[in-house]
Amino acid sequence: MTKYPEIEVSLVGKDGNAFAIMGEVSKALRKAGVSSDEVNEYTSQSMSGDYDNLLRTAMRWVSVS
């Protein structure tokens, strides 16, 4: 289940760049008014594993295309 399904993030062209993916998702969360604590939680979860974890975390938090 996606935490913020109304927030859509396009990751086209971001393949392989973990920091670009985290940046796009974080930026979208902030733009949507998500609290800094929540954005920090997203970032922490994203960084807690490998690249596949990063992608799974993004998909758990926002709608990814």
PDB file of N, CA and C in Angstrom:
ATOM      1  N   MET A   1       0.846  -1.186   0.000  1.00  0.00           N
ATOM      2  CA  MET A   1       0.000   0.000   0.000  1.00  0.00           C
ATOM      3  C   MET A   1       0.887   1.243   0.000  1.00  0.00           C
ATOM      4  N   THR A   2       0.532   2.199  -0.832  1.00  0.00           N
ATOM      5  CA  THR A   2       1.297   3.432  -0.974  1.00  0.00           C
ATOM      6  C   THR A   2       0.832   4.452   0.062  1.00  0.00           C
ATOM      7  N   LYS A   3       1.795   5.027   0.774  1.00  0.00           N
ATOM      8  CA  LYS A   3       1.485   5.969   1.841  1.00  0.00           C
ATOM      9  C   LYS A   3       0.866   7.266   1.312  1.00  0.00           C
ATOM     10  N   TYR A   4       1.395   7.787   0.219  1.00  0.00           N
ATOM     11  CA  TYR A   4       0.882   9.016  -0.380  1.00  0.00           C
ATOM     12  C   TYR A   4       0.595   8.768  -1.868  1.00  0.00           C
ATOM     13  N   PRO A   5      -0.481   8.029  -2.171  1.00  0.00           N
ATOM     14  CA  PRO A   5      -0.764   7.678  -3.569  1.00  0.00           C
ATOM     15  C   PRO A   5      -1.092   8.885  -4.452  1.00  0.00           C
ATOM     16  N   GLU A   6      -1.475   9.987  -3.852  1.00  0.00           N
ATOM     17  CA  GLU A   6      -1.817  11.178  -4.622  1.00  0.00           C
ATOM     18  C   GLU A   6      -0.568  11.923  -5.125  1.00  0.00           C
ATOM     19  N   ILE A   7       0.595  11.591  -4.572  1.00  0.00           N
ATOM     20  CA  ILE A   7       1.849  12.213  -5.002  1.00  0.00           C
ATOM     21  C   ILE A   7       2.465  11.327  -6.081  1.00  0.00           C
ATOM     22  N   GLU A   8       2.638  11.894  -7.270  1.00  0.00           N
ATOM     23  CA  GLU A   8       3.184  11.136  -8.392  1.00  0.00           C
ATOM     24  C   GLU A   8       4.589  11.614  -8.717  1.00  0.00           C
ATOM     25  N   VAL A   9       5.500  10.654  -8.881  1.00  0.00           N
ATOM     26  CA  VAL A   9       6.890  10.957  -9.195  1.00  0.00           C
ATOM     27  C   VAL A   9       7.307  10.134 -10.406  1.00  0.00           C
ATOM     28  N   SER A  10       7.847  10.814 -11.410  1.00  0.00           N
ATOM     29  CA  SER A  10       8.373  10.126 -12.590  1.00  0.00           C
ATOM     30  C   SER A  10       9.854   9.861 -12.374  1.00  0.00           C
ATOM     31  N   LEU A  11      10.249   8.609 -12.483  1.00  0.00           N
ATOM     32  CA  LEU A  11      11.651   8.252 -12.314  1.00  0.00           C
ATOM     33  C   LEU A  11      12.321   7.930 -13.645  1.00  0.00           C
ATOM     34  N   VAL A  12      11.659   8.277 -14.738  1.00  0.00           N
ATOM     35  CA  VAL A  12      12.227   8.057 -16.065  1.00  0.00           C
ATOM     36  C   VAL A  12      13.525   8.850 -16.185  1.00  0.00           C
ATOM     37  N   GLY A  13      14.571   8.182 -16.610  1.00  0.00           N
ATOM     38  CA  GLY A  13      15.867   8.823 -16.761  1.00  0.00           C
ATOM     39  C   GLY A  13      16.685   8.884 -15.492  1.00  0.00           C
ATOM     40  N   LYS A  14      16.170   8.356 -14.399  1.00  0.00           N
ATOM     41  CA  LYS A  14      16.872   8.381 -13.114  1.00  0.00           C
ATOM     42  C   LYS A  14      17.498   7.029 -12.791  1.00  0.00           C
ATOM     43  N   ASP A  15      17.375   6.055 -13.717  1.00  0.00           N
ATOM     44  CA  ASP A  15      17.869   4.699 -13.476  1.00  0.00           C
ATOM     45  C   ASP A  15      19.322   4.709 -13.027  1.00  0.00           C
ATOM     46  N   GLY A  16      19.574   4.011 -11.954  1.00  0.00           N
ATOM     47  CA  GLY A  16      20.927   3.838 -11.484  1.00  0.00           C
ATOM     48  C   GLY A  16      21.443   4.937 -10.578  1.00  0.00           C
ATOM     49  N   ASN A  17      20.750   6.056 -10.491  1.00  0.00           N
ATOM     50  CA  ASN A  17      21.231   7.151  -9.665  1.00  0.00           C
ATOM     51  C   ASN A  17      20.375   7.257  -8.407  1.00  0.00           C
ATOM     52  N   ALA A  18      20.841   6.613  -7.345  1.00  0.00           N
ATOM     53  CA  ALA A  18      20.080   6.554  -6.099  1.00  0.00           C
ATOM     54  C   ALA A  18      19.800   7.938  -5.529  1.00  0.00           C
ATOM     55  N   PHE A  19      20.789   8.821  -5.579  1.00  0.00           N
ATOM     56  CA  PHE A  19      20.595  10.152  -5.003  1.00  0.00           C
ATOM     57  C   PHE A  19      19.581  10.967  -5.789  1.00  0.00           C
ATOM     58  N   ALA A  20      19.544  10.792  -7.097  1.00  0.00           N
ATOM     59  CA  ALA A  20      18.549  11.497  -7.914  1.00  0.00           C
ATOM     60  C   ALA A  20      17.151  11.005  -7.578  1.00  0.00           C
ATOM     61  N   ILE A  21      17.006   9.706  -7.384  1.00  0.00           N
ATOM     62  CA  ILE A  21      15.690   9.140  -7.031  1.00  0.00           C
ATOM     63  C   ILE A  21      15.243   9.661  -5.674  1.00  0.00           C
ATOM     64  N   MET A  22      16.121   9.582  -4.684  1.00  0.00           N
ATOM     65  CA  MET A  22      15.760  10.090  -3.354  1.00  0.00           C
ATOM     66  C   MET A  22      15.426  11.568  -3.411  1.00  0.00           C
ATOM     67  N   GLY A  23      16.179  12.322  -4.191  1.00  0.00           N
ATOM     68  CA  GLY A  23      15.925  13.755  -4.314  1.00  0.00           C
ATOM     69  C   GLY A  23      14.577  14.059  -4.934  1.00  0.00           C
ATOM     70  N   GLU A  24      14.221  13.328  -5.999  1.00  0.00           N
ATOM     71  CA  GLU A  24      12.926  13.550  -6.657  1.00  0.00           C
ATOM     72  C   GLU A  24      11.771  13.230  -5.713  1.00  0.00           C
ATOM     73  N   VAL A  25      11.871  12.114  -5.013  1.00  0.00           N
ATOM     74  CA  VAL A  25      10.787  11.727  -4.095  1.00  0.00           C
ATOM     75  C   VAL A  25      10.714  12.707  -2.935  1.00  0.00           C
ATOM     76  N   SER A  26      11.845  13.067  -2.354  1.00  0.00           N
ATOM     77  CA  SER A  26      11.852  14.028  -1.243  1.00  0.00           C
ATOM     78  C   SER A  26      11.264  15.365  -1.667  1.00  0.00           C
ATOM     79  N   LYS A  27      11.654  15.833  -2.851  1.00  0.00           N
ATOM     80  CA  LYS A  27      11.143  17.107  -3.367  1.00  0.00           C
ATOM     81  C   LYS A  27       9.627  17.049  -3.541  1.00  0.00           C
ATOM     82  N   ALA A  28       9.131  15.946  -4.085  1.00  0.00           N
ATOM     83  CA  ALA A  28       7.682  15.793  -4.283  1.00  0.00           C
ATOM     84  C   ALA A  28       6.949  15.754  -2.945  1.00  0.00           C
ATOM     85  N   LEU A  29       7.522  15.077  -1.963  1.00  0.00           N
ATOM     86  CA  LEU A  29       6.901  15.018  -0.635  1.00  0.00           C
ATOM     87  C   LEU A  29       6.824  16.419  -0.024  1.00  0.00           C
ATOM     88  N   ARG A  30       7.933  17.160  -0.070  1.00  0.00           N
ATOM     89  CA  ARG A  30       7.942  18.527   0.490  1.00  0.00           C
ATOM     90  C   ARG A  30       6.953  19.429  -0.242  1.00  0.00           C
ATOM     91  N   LYS A  31       6.927  19.331  -1.576  1.00  0.00           N
ATOM     92  CA  LYS A  31       6.019  20.160  -2.373  1.00  0.00           C
ATOM     93  C   LYS A  31       4.564  19.888  -2.013  1.00  0.00           C
ATOM     94  N   ALA A  32       4.257  18.653  -1.631  1.00  0.00           N
ATOM     95  CA  ALA A  32       2.898  18.273  -1.264  1.00  0.00           C
ATOM     96  C   ALA A  32       2.573  18.627   0.191  1.00  0.00           C
ATOM     97  N   GLY A  33       3.536  19.197   0.908  1.00  0.00           N
ATOM     98  CA  GLY A  33       3.277  19.630   2.277  1.00  0.00           C
ATOM     99  C   GLY A  33       3.514  18.583   3.338  1.00  0.00           C
ATOM    100  N   VAL A  34       4.210  17.517   2.987  1.00  0.00           N
ATOM    101  CA  VAL A  34       4.530  16.472   3.966  1.00  0.00           C
ATOM    102  C   VAL A  34       5.558  17.046   4.945  1.00  0.00           C
ATOM    103  N   SER A  35       5.406  16.704   6.215  1.00  0.00           N
ATOM    104  CA  SER A  35       6.271  17.265   7.253  1.00  0.00           C
ATOM    105  C   SER A  35       7.734  16.846   7.064  1.00  0.00           C
ATOM    106  N   SER A  36       8.627  17.664   7.597  1.00  0.00           N
ATOM    107  CA  SER A  36      10.060  17.363   7.530  1.00  0.00           C
ATOM    108  C   SER A  36      10.384  16.041   8.197  1.00  0.00           C
ATOM    109  N   ASP A  37       9.700  15.739   9.295  1.00  0.00           N
ATOM    110  CA  ASP A  37       9.927  14.465   9.985  1.00  0.00           C
ATOM    111  C   ASP A  37       9.585  13.288   9.083  1.00  0.00           C
ATOM    112  N   GLU A  38       8.484  13.410   8.329  1.00  0.00           N
ATOM    113  CA  GLU A  38       8.086  12.339   7.413  1.00  0.00           C
ATOM    114  C   GLU A  38       9.091  12.207   6.265  1.00  0.00           C
ATOM    115  N   VAL A  39       9.542  13.337   5.726  1.00  0.00           N
ATOM    116  CA  VAL A  39      10.530  13.302   4.648  1.00  0.00           C
ATOM    117  C   VAL A  39      11.819  12.658   5.153  1.00  0.00           C
ATOM    118  N   ASN A  40      12.219  12.987   6.368  1.00  0.00           N
ATOM    119  CA  ASN A  40      13.410  12.376   6.963  1.00  0.00           C
ATOM    120  C   ASN A  40      13.219  10.875   7.154  1.00  0.00           C
ATOM    121  N   GLU A  41      12.032  10.462   7.523  1.00  0.00           N
ATOM    122  CA  GLU A  41      11.734   9.034   7.675  1.00  0.00           C
ATOM    123  C   GLU A  41      11.848   8.329   6.333  1.00  0.00           C
ATOM    124  N   TYR A  42      11.302   8.944   5.284  1.00  0.00           N
ATOM    125  CA  TYR A  42      11.432   8.374   3.942  1.00  0.00           C
ATOM    126  C   TYR A  42      12.911   8.201   3.582  1.00  0.00           C
ATOM    127  N   THR A  43      13.695   9.262   3.792  1.00  0.00           N
ATOM    128  CA  THR A  43      15.117   9.214   3.451  1.00  0.00           C
ATOM    129  C   THR A  43      15.838   8.134   4.233  1.00  0.00           C
ATOM    130  N   SER A  44      15.552   8.036   5.503  1.00  0.00           N
ATOM    131  CA  SER A  44      16.173   7.018   6.345  1.00  0.00           C
ATOM    132  C   SER A  44      15.845   5.612   5.851  1.00  0.00           C
ATOM    133  N   GLN A  45      14.573   5.383   5.532  1.00  0.00           N
ATOM    134  CA  GLN A  45      14.176   4.069   5.027  1.00  0.00           C
ATOM    135  C   GLN A  45      14.840   3.779   3.686  1.00  0.00           C
ATOM    136  N   SER A  46      14.957   4.786   2.836  1.00  0.00           N
ATOM    137  CA  SER A  46      15.576   4.611   1.519  1.00  0.00           C
ATOM    138  C   SER A  46      17.038   4.207   1.628  1.00  0.00           C
ATOM    139  N   MET A  47      17.719   4.772   2.612  1.00  0.00           N
ATOM    140  CA  MET A  47      19.153   4.541   2.761  1.00  0.00           C
ATOM    141  C   MET A  47      19.485   3.315   3.596  1.00  0.00           C
ATOM    142  N   SER A  48      18.462   2.599   4.059  1.00  0.00           N
ATOM    143  CA  SER A  48      18.699   1.489   4.977  1.00  0.00           C
ATOM    144  C   SER A  48      18.969   0.157   4.284  1.00  0.00           C
ATOM    145  N   GLY A  49      19.191   0.184   2.979  1.00  0.00           N
ATOM    146  CA  GLY A  49      19.449  -1.066   2.275  1.00  0.00           C
ATOM    147  C   GLY A  49      20.110  -0.806   0.933  1.00  0.00           C
ATOM    148  N   ASP A  50      19.908  -1.728   0.032  1.00  0.00           N
ATOM    149  CA  ASP A  50      20.513  -1.631  -1.291  1.00  0.00           C
ATOM    150  C   ASP A  50      19.625  -0.850  -2.261  1.00  0.00           C
ATOM    151  N   TYR A  51      20.026  -0.836  -3.527  1.00  0.00           N
ATOM    152  CA  TYR A  51      19.299  -0.093  -4.554  1.00  0.00           C
ATOM    153  C   TYR A  51      17.864  -0.593  -4.695  1.00  0.00           C
ATOM    154  N   ASP A  52      17.659  -1.908  -4.634  1.00  0.00           N
ATOM    155  CA  ASP A  52      16.304  -2.454  -4.730  1.00  0.00           C
ATOM    156  C   ASP A  52      15.433  -1.960  -3.573  1.00  0.00           C
ATOM    157  N   ASN A  53      16.017  -1.870  -2.380  1.00  0.00           N
ATOM    158  CA  ASN A  53      15.291  -1.328  -1.234  1.00  0.00           C
ATOM    159  C   ASN A  53      14.892   0.116  -1.491  1.00  0.00           C
ATOM    160  N   LEU A  54      15.797   0.890  -2.085  1.00  0.00           N
ATOM    161  CA  LEU A  54      15.511   2.282  -2.416  1.00  0.00           C
ATOM    162  C   LEU A  54      14.284   2.383  -3.315  1.00  0.00           C
ATOM    163  N   LEU A  55      14.237   1.545  -4.356  1.00  0.00           N
ATOM    164  CA  LEU A  55      13.100   1.570  -5.279  1.00  0.00           C
ATOM    165  C   LEU A  55      11.815   1.117  -4.591  1.00  0.00           C
ATOM    166  N   ARG A  56      11.896   0.047  -3.813  1.00  0.00           N
ATOM    167  CA  ARG A  56      10.704  -0.433  -3.090  1.00  0.00           C
ATOM    168  C   ARG A  56      10.192   0.631  -2.125  1.00  0.00           C
ATOM    169  N   THR A  57      11.106   1.320  -1.450  1.00  0.00           N
ATOM    170  CA  THR A  57      10.715   2.366  -0.500  1.00  0.00           C
ATOM    171  C   THR A  57      10.015   3.505  -1.228  1.00  0.00           C
ATOM    172  N   ALA A  58      10.555   3.925  -2.363  1.00  0.00           N
ATOM    173  CA  ALA A  58       9.913   4.987  -3.142  1.00  0.00           C
ATOM    174  C   ALA A  58       8.493   4.580  -3.514  1.00  0.00           C
ATOM    175  N   MET A  59       8.322   3.332  -3.944  1.00  0.00           N
ATOM    176  CA  MET A  59       6.993   2.859  -4.351  1.00  0.00           C
ATOM    177  C   MET A  59       6.042   2.702  -3.166  1.00  0.00           C
ATOM    178  N   ARG A  60       6.587   2.510  -1.969  1.00  0.00           N
ATOM    179  CA  ARG A  60       5.725   2.443  -0.771  1.00  0.00           C
ATOM    180  C   ARG A  60       5.248   3.825  -0.351  1.00  0.00           C
ATOM    181  N   TRP A  61       6.018   4.852  -0.696  1.00  0.00           N
ATOM    182  CA  TRP A  61       5.694   6.203  -0.249  1.00  0.00           C
ATOM    183  C   TRP A  61       4.894   7.011  -1.252  1.00  0.00           C
ATOM    184  N   VAL A  62       5.181   6.873  -2.553  1.00  0.00           N
ATOM    185  CA  VAL A  62       4.529   7.685  -3.580  1.00  0.00           C
ATOM    186  C   VAL A  62       4.161   6.818  -4.779  1.00  0.00           C
ATOM    187  N   SER A  63       3.344   7.364  -5.677  1.00  0.00           N
ATOM    188  CA  SER A  63       3.045   6.694  -6.952  1.00  0.00           C
ATOM    189  C   SER A  63       4.203   6.958  -7.894  1.00  0.00           C
ATOM    190  N   VAL A  64       4.816   5.889  -8.381  1.00  0.00           N
ATOM    191  CA  VAL A  64       6.001   5.988  -9.213  1.00  0.00           C
ATOM    192  C   VAL A  64       5.665   5.583 -10.638  1.00  0.00           C
ATOM    193  N   SER A  65       6.177   6.368 -11.585  1.00  0.00           N
ATOM    194  CA  SER A  65       6.006   6.000 -12.996  1.00  0.00           C
ATOM    195  C   SER A  65       7.340   6.072 -13.692  1.00  0.00           C
TER     196      SER A  65
END
